């Protein structure tokens, strides 16, 4: 059953009422696993204000309900998510860094229960950095990853400036962030971003099977293990705050304005006047 939610929802008081459809986000229940499907294929699953809000709602719903023990994020076969919807992003520039992104990252990084992701197609920007906060990530061979922040006149977000060097080393992280070039699933697996590469037709099955295995484990021990595994990231919230401050400054810069406009106008940006 799919339920259409309308009006204002309170993410701190979720109810388990079956599957529900929000704004380009579908929440489904599979046993003790909650799955979220990003459903905006016409825009390569680029995230808007409403989608960030609803993803945050889904994570809060998951965390508050003891029935659920694992949370899985899927895109579609063409795109996991192409990152922020640039037009929507520019429309909210006057509010500094939009609060809905901060709320999503807070929910993502503070989740006490396991988060998993099944990635196929494009994973760009936040589509990559959110994976750094997932406990397990599975991807198809055709998945493509990219961190193009500098090309947009921006800085890394979601704590990626801290976690990525820990994961791949300073020089490799510098290469990925400075150049912002796309890399494939094999590279993602090599650097530890992805656990396993699955066939396109079996990605969902493989990811959900892993979620079910986690859901069958003692829940308190799982939470405590996740907390211990993340102890090396004790200053994560401080790093995210520093990134936010740098992001806000860059977002108002002529460089970022030129880069974002060039992206929308589908032309190369001109930084010669910077």
Protein backbone atom coordinates (compact mmCIF):
# COMPACT_ATOMS: atom_id res chain seq x y z
CA UNK A 1 0.00 0.00 0.00
CA UNK A 2 1.23 3.50 -0.84
CA UNK A 3 -0.10 6.44 1.15
CA UNK A 4 0.03 10.02 -0.11
CA UNK A 5 1.10 12.39 2.66
CA UNK A 6 -0.06 15.97 2.39
CA UNK A 7 0.36 19.05 4.53
CA UNK A 8 3.09 19.54 7.10
CA UNK A 9 4.60 16.46 8.68
CA UNK A 10 6.49 16.33 11.95
CA UNK A 11 9.69 14.32 11.39
CA UNK A 12 10.08 13.82 15.13
CA UNK A 13 6.74 12.02 15.44
CA UNK A 14 6.73 9.46 12.62
CA UNK A 15 4.14 6.71 12.39
CA UNK A 16 4.52 3.31 10.79
CA UNK A 17 1.57 3.44 8.40
CA UNK A 18 2.85 1.35 5.53
CA UNK A 19 4.60 2.69 2.47
CA UNK A 20 4.32 6.37 1.67
CA UNK A 21 5.12 8.74 -1.18
CA UNK A 22 6.51 12.20 -0.53
CA UNK A 23 8.04 14.66 -3.02
CA UNK A 24 9.98 12.49 -5.49
CA UNK A 25 10.83 10.27 -2.51
CA UNK A 26 9.16 6.92 -1.79
CA UNK A 27 9.44 5.17 1.56
CA UNK A 28 8.88 1.43 1.66
CA UNK A 29 8.94 -1.16 4.41
CA UNK A 30 10.55 -4.56 3.87
CA UNK A 31 10.51 -6.52 7.10
CA UNK A 32 12.71 -4.63 9.55
CA UNK A 33 14.34 -2.65 6.74
CA UNK A 34 13.15 0.79 5.64
CA UNK A 35 13.99 1.63 2.03
CA UNK A 36 13.95 5.05 0.41
CA UNK A 37 13.71 5.42 -3.35
CA UNK A 38 14.76 8.70 -4.98
CA UNK A 39 12.28 9.13 -7.84
CA UNK A 40 13.04 12.06 -10.13
CA UNK A 41 14.42 10.33 -13.22
CA UNK A 42 13.66 13.21 -15.60
CA UNK A 43 16.23 15.30 -13.68
CA UNK A 44 18.67 12.45 -12.95
CA UNK A 45 17.37 12.39 -9.37
CA UNK A 46 18.86 15.83 -8.64
CA UNK A 47 17.83 16.89 -5.14
CA UNK A 48 15.53 19.84 -4.44
CA UNK A 49 14.49 21.59 -1.25
CA UNK A 50 11.47 19.34 -0.81
CA UNK A 51 13.49 16.19 -1.47
CA UNK A 52 16.07 17.09 1.18
CA UNK A 53 13.25 17.79 3.62
CA UNK A 54 11.63 14.44 2.91
CA UNK A 55 14.89 12.48 3.08
CA UNK A 56 15.42 14.05 6.50
CA UNK A 57 11.90 13.02 7.49
CA UNK A 58 12.58 9.46 6.36
CA UNK A 59 15.77 9.17 8.43
CA UNK A 60 14.03 10.58 11.52
CA UNK A 61 11.15 8.17 10.94
CA UNK A 62 13.60 5.28 10.73
CA UNK A 63 15.58 6.29 13.81
CA UNK A 64 12.48 6.82 15.97
CA UNK A 65 10.83 3.47 15.21
CA UNK A 66 12.38 0.49 17.01
CA UNK A 67 10.77 -1.84 14.47
CA UNK A 68 13.31 -0.76 11.84
CA UNK A 69 16.91 -1.87 12.14
CA UNK A 70 18.40 -1.00 8.73
CA UNK A 71 17.88 1.87 6.28
CA UNK A 72 18.61 1.65 2.54
CA UNK A 73 18.77 4.43 -0.06
CA UNK A 74 18.25 3.65 -3.76
CA UNK A 75 18.11 5.75 -6.88
CA UNK A 76 17.13 4.23 -10.22
CA UNK A 77 19.13 2.35 -12.86
CA UNK A 78 20.25 5.58 -14.56
CA UNK A 79 21.05 7.76 -11.55
CA UNK A 80 21.52 7.42 -7.82
CA UNK A 81 21.47 11.22 -7.65
CA UNK A 82 23.16 13.85 -9.79
CA UNK A 83 23.58 16.05 -6.72
CA UNK A 84 21.86 19.35 -6.01
CA UNK A 85 19.32 20.69 -8.47
CA UNK A 86 21.36 23.76 -9.48
CA UNK A 87 18.36 25.94 -10.41
CA UNK A 88 16.66 25.13 -7.12
CA UNK A 89 19.97 25.71 -5.33
CA UNK A 90 20.45 29.18 -6.88
CA UNK A 91 16.86 30.11 -6.02
CA UNK A 92 17.69 29.63 -2.33
CA UNK A 93 21.05 31.43 -2.36
CA UNK A 94 19.62 34.48 -0.62
CA UNK A 95 19.08 32.33 2.48
CA UNK A 96 22.80 31.53 2.68
CA UNK A 97 23.35 27.80 2.77
CA UNK A 98 19.81 26.38 2.78
CA UNK A 99 18.78 25.00 6.16
CA UNK A 100 17.26 21.90 4.58
CA UNK A 101 20.72 20.66 3.54
CA UNK A 102 22.07 21.20 7.06
CA UNK A 103 19.11 19.29 8.50
CA UNK A 104 19.66 16.39 6.12
CA UNK A 105 23.37 16.16 6.88
CA UNK A 106 22.65 16.35 10.60
CA UNK A 107 20.16 13.47 10.35
CA UNK A 108 22.55 11.46 8.16
CA UNK A 109 25.64 11.89 10.32
CA UNK A 110 23.86 11.44 13.65
CA UNK A 111 21.95 8.28 12.69
CA UNK A 112 22.60 5.60 15.32
CA UNK A 113 21.33 2.67 13.26
CA UNK A 114 22.97 1.26 10.08
CA UNK A 115 22.56 3.07 6.77
CA UNK A 116 23.12 1.34 3.42
CA UNK A 117 23.03 2.48 -0.19
CA UNK A 118 22.56 0.79 -3.55
CA UNK A 119 24.12 2.89 -6.31
CA UNK A 120 23.55 2.64 -10.03
CA UNK A 121 24.31 5.22 -12.71
CA UNK A 122 25.32 8.73 -11.69
CA UNK A 123 26.40 9.66 -8.18
CA UNK A 124 27.56 13.27 -8.16
CA UNK A 125 28.34 15.73 -5.36
CA UNK A 126 26.09 14.93 -2.41
CA UNK A 127 25.42 11.65 -4.23
CA UNK A 128 28.99 10.70 -3.29
CA UNK A 129 29.47 12.52 0.01
CA UNK A 130 26.35 10.96 1.56
CA UNK A 131 27.89 7.54 0.83
CA UNK A 132 30.76 8.42 3.18
CA UNK A 133 28.20 8.26 6.00
CA UNK A 134 26.67 4.95 4.94
CA UNK A 135 27.88 1.82 6.71
CA UNK A 136 27.70 -0.35 3.59
CA UNK A 137 27.57 0.67 -0.08
CA UNK A 138 26.88 -1.55 -3.09
CA UNK A 139 27.14 -0.37 -6.69
CA UNK A 140 26.68 -1.60 -10.23
CA UNK A 141 29.56 -1.76 -12.69
CA UNK A 142 28.14 1.18 -14.64
CA UNK A 143 28.01 3.48 -11.60
CA UNK A 144 29.91 6.75 -12.06
CA UNK A 145 31.09 8.92 -9.17
CA UNK A 146 32.17 12.56 -9.19
CA UNK A 147 33.02 15.34 -6.71
CA UNK A 148 32.86 18.53 -8.85
CA UNK A 149 32.71 21.10 -6.03
CA UNK A 150 35.71 23.18 -7.10
CA UNK A 151 34.44 23.29 -10.67
CA UNK A 152 31.35 25.03 -9.28
CA UNK A 153 33.43 27.46 -7.27
CA UNK A 154 32.50 25.68 -4.05
CA UNK A 155 34.18 23.58 -1.34
CA UNK A 156 33.54 19.96 -0.28
CA UNK A 157 30.64 19.31 2.11
CA UNK A 158 29.20 16.66 4.42
CA UNK A 159 32.50 16.21 6.23
CA UNK A 160 34.14 14.88 3.08
CA UNK A 161 37.24 17.03 3.61
CA UNK A 162 37.81 15.00 6.80
CA UNK A 163 36.55 11.53 5.89
CA UNK A 164 37.88 11.25 2.33
CA UNK A 165 41.57 11.74 3.28
CA UNK A 166 41.08 9.21 6.10
CA UNK A 167 39.62 6.77 3.57
CA UNK A 168 41.96 7.20 0.59
CA UNK A 169 44.91 9.25 1.84
CA UNK A 170 45.71 12.94 1.47
CA UNK A 171 47.11 12.85 -2.08
CA UNK A 172 44.34 10.70 -3.55
CA UNK A 173 41.70 12.84 -1.83
CA UNK A 174 43.38 15.97 -3.22
CA UNK A 175 43.24 14.52 -6.72
CA UNK A 176 39.55 13.60 -6.41
CA UNK A 177 38.56 16.99 -4.99
CA UNK A 178 40.84 19.35 -6.95
CA UNK A 179 40.16 17.90 -10.38
CA UNK A 180 36.61 16.68 -9.75
CA UNK A 181 36.91 14.06 -12.47
CA UNK A 182 34.48 11.15 -12.73
CA UNK A 183 35.63 7.72 -11.56
CA UNK A 184 34.11 4.29 -12.06
CA UNK A 185 32.80 1.61 -9.72
CA UNK A 186 36.07 -0.36 -9.76
CA UNK A 187 37.94 2.72 -8.58
CA UNK A 188 35.27 3.37 -5.96
CA UNK A 189 35.73 -0.18 -4.68
CA UNK A 190 39.52 0.14 -4.77
CA UNK A 191 39.49 3.27 -2.59
CA UNK A 192 36.97 1.81 -0.14
CA UNK A 193 33.94 3.90 -1.07
CA UNK A 194 32.07 0.81 -2.27
CA UNK A 195 31.96 -2.63 -0.60
CA UNK A 196 30.93 -4.72 -3.58
CA UNK A 197 30.01 -4.40 -7.24
CA UNK A 198 26.76 -6.12 -8.20
CA UNK A 199 24.94 -6.78 -11.45
CA UNK A 200 22.35 -4.14 -12.32
CA UNK A 201 19.50 -6.60 -12.08
CA UNK A 202 20.63 -7.90 -8.68
CA UNK A 203 21.70 -4.63 -6.98
CA UNK A 204 18.48 -4.27 -5.04
CA UNK A 205 18.51 -7.90 -3.95
CA UNK A 206 22.17 -7.79 -2.86
CA UNK A 207 21.70 -4.55 -0.90
CA UNK A 208 18.49 -5.66 0.80
CA UNK A 209 20.02 -9.03 1.69
CA UNK A 210 22.86 -7.20 3.46
CA UNK A 211 20.30 -5.01 5.24
CA UNK A 212 18.34 -8.08 6.34
CA UNK A 213 21.51 -9.66 7.76
CA UNK A 214 22.19 -6.53 9.79
CA UNK A 215 18.54 -6.37 10.90
CA UNK A 216 18.82 -9.90 12.28
CA UNK A 217 21.69 -8.96 14.60
CA UNK A 218 21.25 -7.74 18.22
CA UNK A 219 20.17 -4.10 17.71
CA UNK A 220 21.86 -2.58 20.76
CA UNK A 221 25.17 -4.26 19.93
CA UNK A 222 24.87 -3.00 16.35
CA UNK A 223 24.30 0.59 17.53
CA UNK A 224 27.25 0.42 19.91
CA UNK A 225 29.49 -1.09 17.24
CA UNK A 226 28.58 1.69 14.83
CA UNK A 227 29.38 4.24 17.52
CA UNK A 228 32.78 2.64 18.13
CA UNK A 229 33.58 2.45 14.42
CA UNK A 230 32.90 6.16 14.15
CA UNK A 231 34.98 7.19 17.15
CA UNK A 232 37.76 8.32 14.80
CA UNK A 233 35.34 10.94 13.48
CA UNK A 234 34.72 12.62 16.83
CA UNK A 235 35.42 16.04 15.33
CA UNK A 236 33.15 15.42 12.35
CA UNK A 237 30.52 17.97 13.41
CA UNK A 238 33.23 20.62 13.83
CA UNK A 239 34.55 19.87 10.34
CA UNK A 240 31.06 20.03 8.81
CA UNK A 241 30.54 23.41 10.48
CA UNK A 242 33.84 24.70 9.04
CA UNK A 243 32.80 23.43 5.61
CA UNK A 244 29.45 25.20 5.93
CA UNK A 245 31.15 28.50 6.74
CA UNK A 246 33.52 28.15 3.78
CA UNK A 247 30.63 27.01 1.58
CA UNK A 248 28.58 30.11 2.47
CA UNK A 249 31.47 32.42 1.62
CA UNK A 250 32.16 30.65 -1.69
CA UNK A 251 28.47 30.56 -2.59
CA UNK A 252 28.36 34.38 -2.58
CA UNK A 253 31.60 34.75 -4.55
CA UNK A 254 31.79 35.89 -8.19
CA UNK A 255 33.57 32.60 -8.97
CA UNK A 256 30.68 30.47 -7.78
CA UNK A 257 28.10 32.72 -9.44
CA UNK A 258 29.94 32.37 -12.77
CA UNK A 259 30.35 28.60 -12.37
CA UNK A 260 26.69 27.97 -11.50
CA UNK A 261 25.40 30.24 -14.29
CA UNK A 262 27.74 28.55 -16.76
CA UNK A 263 26.42 25.16 -15.67
CA UNK A 264 22.82 26.22 -16.31
CA UNK A 265 23.73 27.85 -19.63
CA UNK A 266 25.73 24.75 -20.61
CA UNK A 267 28.94 26.62 -21.37
CA UNK A 268 32.47 26.56 -19.96
CA UNK A 269 32.91 28.91 -16.99
CA UNK A 270 35.23 31.89 -17.38
CA UNK A 271 37.46 32.47 -14.34
CA UNK A 272 39.96 34.77 -16.11
CA UNK A 273 38.60 37.81 -14.27
CA UNK A 274 38.87 36.16 -10.83
